[in-house]
Amino acid sequence: MGPDLLRYLESALDSFISTSINRVSETGVMDHEYRLTVQEIRSAGLRQRFGDTFIDEIVSFFEGNRVGATYNPRSESFSVALGLGHVVLNASQAGALTSAMNHYRMES
């Protein structure tokens, strides 16, 4: 995997995690689904052709962070299943999750 794709996927994952954490404070729900389209990746200038190896690299990236990812050729998109109880978080994200969970508990 090239460095540009890695940065792009890390950024996408960070956005998914951040959004999930924000949702926790309101709903308490820890599992969320997202979609990453081939068009989004192409728009970022990362790849014009998508082969099996490229798809496998993307799935492997998410799985390496303990996030489920499957490719749907019909919709040309990846379904990303993120569970905050399983995903690898950095220190800042972990602190934000703790705060969000505490906020939800106090409001419930």
Protein backbone atom coordinates (compact mmCIF):
# COMPACT_ATOMS: atom_id res chain seq x y z
CA MET A 1 0.00 0.00 0.00
CA GLY A 2 1.37 3.39 -0.94
CA PRO A 3 1.77 6.22 1.56
CA ASP A 4 -0.95 8.37 -0.04
CA LEU A 5 -3.53 5.61 0.21
CA LEU A 6 -2.46 4.86 3.78
CA ARG A 7 -2.90 8.53 4.78
CA TYR A 8 -6.29 8.63 3.06
CA LEU A 9 -7.53 5.49 4.83
CA GLU A 10 -6.19 6.66 8.19
CA SER A 11 -8.03 9.94 7.72
CA ALA A 12 -11.25 8.15 6.74
CA LEU A 13 -10.98 5.84 9.75
CA ASP A 14 -10.32 8.79 12.07
CA SER A 15 -13.47 10.47 10.71
CA PHE A 16 -15.52 7.32 11.22
CA ILE A 17 -14.22 6.98 14.79
CA SER A 18 -14.83 10.64 15.60
CA THR A 19 -18.38 10.52 14.27
CA SER A 20 -19.07 7.30 16.19
CA ILE A 21 -17.77 8.82 19.42
CA ASN A 22 -19.98 11.86 18.93
CA ARG A 23 -22.99 9.60 18.45
CA VAL A 24 -22.23 7.73 21.68
CA SER A 25 -22.79 10.83 23.79
CA GLU A 26 -26.32 11.16 22.37
CA THR A 27 -27.43 7.57 21.81
CA GLY A 28 -25.07 5.28 23.73
CA VAL A 29 -24.76 3.12 20.61
CA MET A 30 -21.23 1.75 20.16
CA ASP A 31 -21.58 0.02 16.75
CA HIS A 32 -21.89 1.99 13.54
CA GLU A 33 -21.86 1.35 9.80
CA TYR A 34 -20.20 3.54 7.19
CA ARG A 35 -19.65 3.44 3.47
CA LEU A 36 -16.53 4.33 1.51
CA THR A 37 -17.11 4.52 -2.23
CA VAL A 38 -14.74 3.86 -5.07
CA GLN A 39 -15.67 7.30 -6.39
CA GLU A 40 -14.45 8.93 -3.17
CA ILE A 41 -11.11 7.18 -3.51
CA ARG A 42 -10.84 8.14 -7.19
CA SER A 43 -11.75 11.75 -6.36
CA ALA A 44 -8.83 11.82 -3.95
CA GLY A 45 -6.61 10.97 -6.92
CA LEU A 46 -5.48 7.68 -5.45
CA ARG A 47 -6.42 5.10 -8.07
CA GLN A 48 -8.30 4.86 -11.32
CA ARG A 49 -8.40 1.07 -11.60
CA PHE A 50 -9.55 -1.19 -8.81
CA GLY A 51 -8.29 -4.74 -8.88
CA ASP A 52 -8.54 -7.53 -6.35
CA THR A 53 -5.15 -6.68 -4.82
CA PHE A 54 -6.15 -3.07 -4.25
CA ILE A 55 -9.48 -4.09 -2.71
CA ASP A 56 -7.69 -6.59 -0.47
CA GLU A 57 -5.28 -3.87 0.72
CA ILE A 58 -8.17 -1.66 1.79
CA VAL A 59 -10.00 -4.50 3.56
CA SER A 60 -6.74 -5.52 5.27
CA PHE A 61 -6.14 -1.96 6.48
CA PHE A 62 -9.51 -1.86 8.22
CA GLU A 63 -9.19 -5.39 9.59
CA GLY A 64 -5.76 -4.48 10.96
CA ASN A 65 -7.50 -1.79 13.01
CA ARG A 66 -10.13 -4.29 14.16
CA VAL A 67 -12.81 -2.83 11.91
CA GLY A 68 -14.90 -4.96 9.56
CA ALA A 69 -14.85 -4.09 5.87
CA THR A 70 -16.38 -5.78 2.86
CA TYR A 71 -16.37 -4.71 -0.78
CA ASN A 72 -19.60 -4.66 -2.75
CA PRO A 73 -18.86 -4.64 -6.49
CA ARG A 74 -22.47 -3.84 -7.34
CA SER A 75 -22.40 -0.49 -5.50
CA GLU A 76 -18.63 -0.05 -5.94
CA SER A 77 -18.25 0.64 -2.26
CA PHE A 78 -16.85 -0.71 0.97
CA SER A 79 -19.15 -1.32 3.92
CA VAL A 80 -17.27 -0.47 7.08
CA ALA A 81 -18.55 -1.85 10.39
CA LEU A 82 -16.99 -0.02 13.31
CA GLY A 83 -17.47 -1.14 16.89
CA LEU A 84 -16.02 1.27 19.43
CA GLY A 85 -15.48 -1.61 21.84
CA HIS A 86 -13.12 -3.28 19.36
CA VAL A 87 -11.47 -0.67 17.14
CA VAL A 88 -7.90 0.40 17.84
CA LEU A 89 -8.07 3.92 19.33
CA ASN A 90 -5.32 6.43 19.90
CA ALA A 91 -5.01 8.17 23.29
CA SER A 92 -7.06 11.19 22.25
CA GLN A 93 -9.85 9.05 20.84
CA ALA A 94 -9.89 6.87 23.95
CA GLY A 95 -10.26 9.96 26.15
CA ALA A 96 -13.04 11.33 23.95
CA LEU A 97 -14.87 8.00 24.10
CA THR A 98 -14.66 7.94 27.88
CA SER A 99 -16.09 11.47 28.04
CA ALA A 100 -18.87 10.59 25.58
CA MET A 101 -19.82 7.49 27.55
CA ASN A 102 -19.87 9.45 30.80
CA HIS A 103 -22.02 12.14 29.20
CA TYR A 104 -24.50 9.56 27.98
CA ARG A 105 -24.67 7.88 31.38
CA MET A 106 -25.33 11.20 33.12
CA GLU A 107 -28.06 12.14 30.64
CA SER A 108 -29.79 8.76 30.73
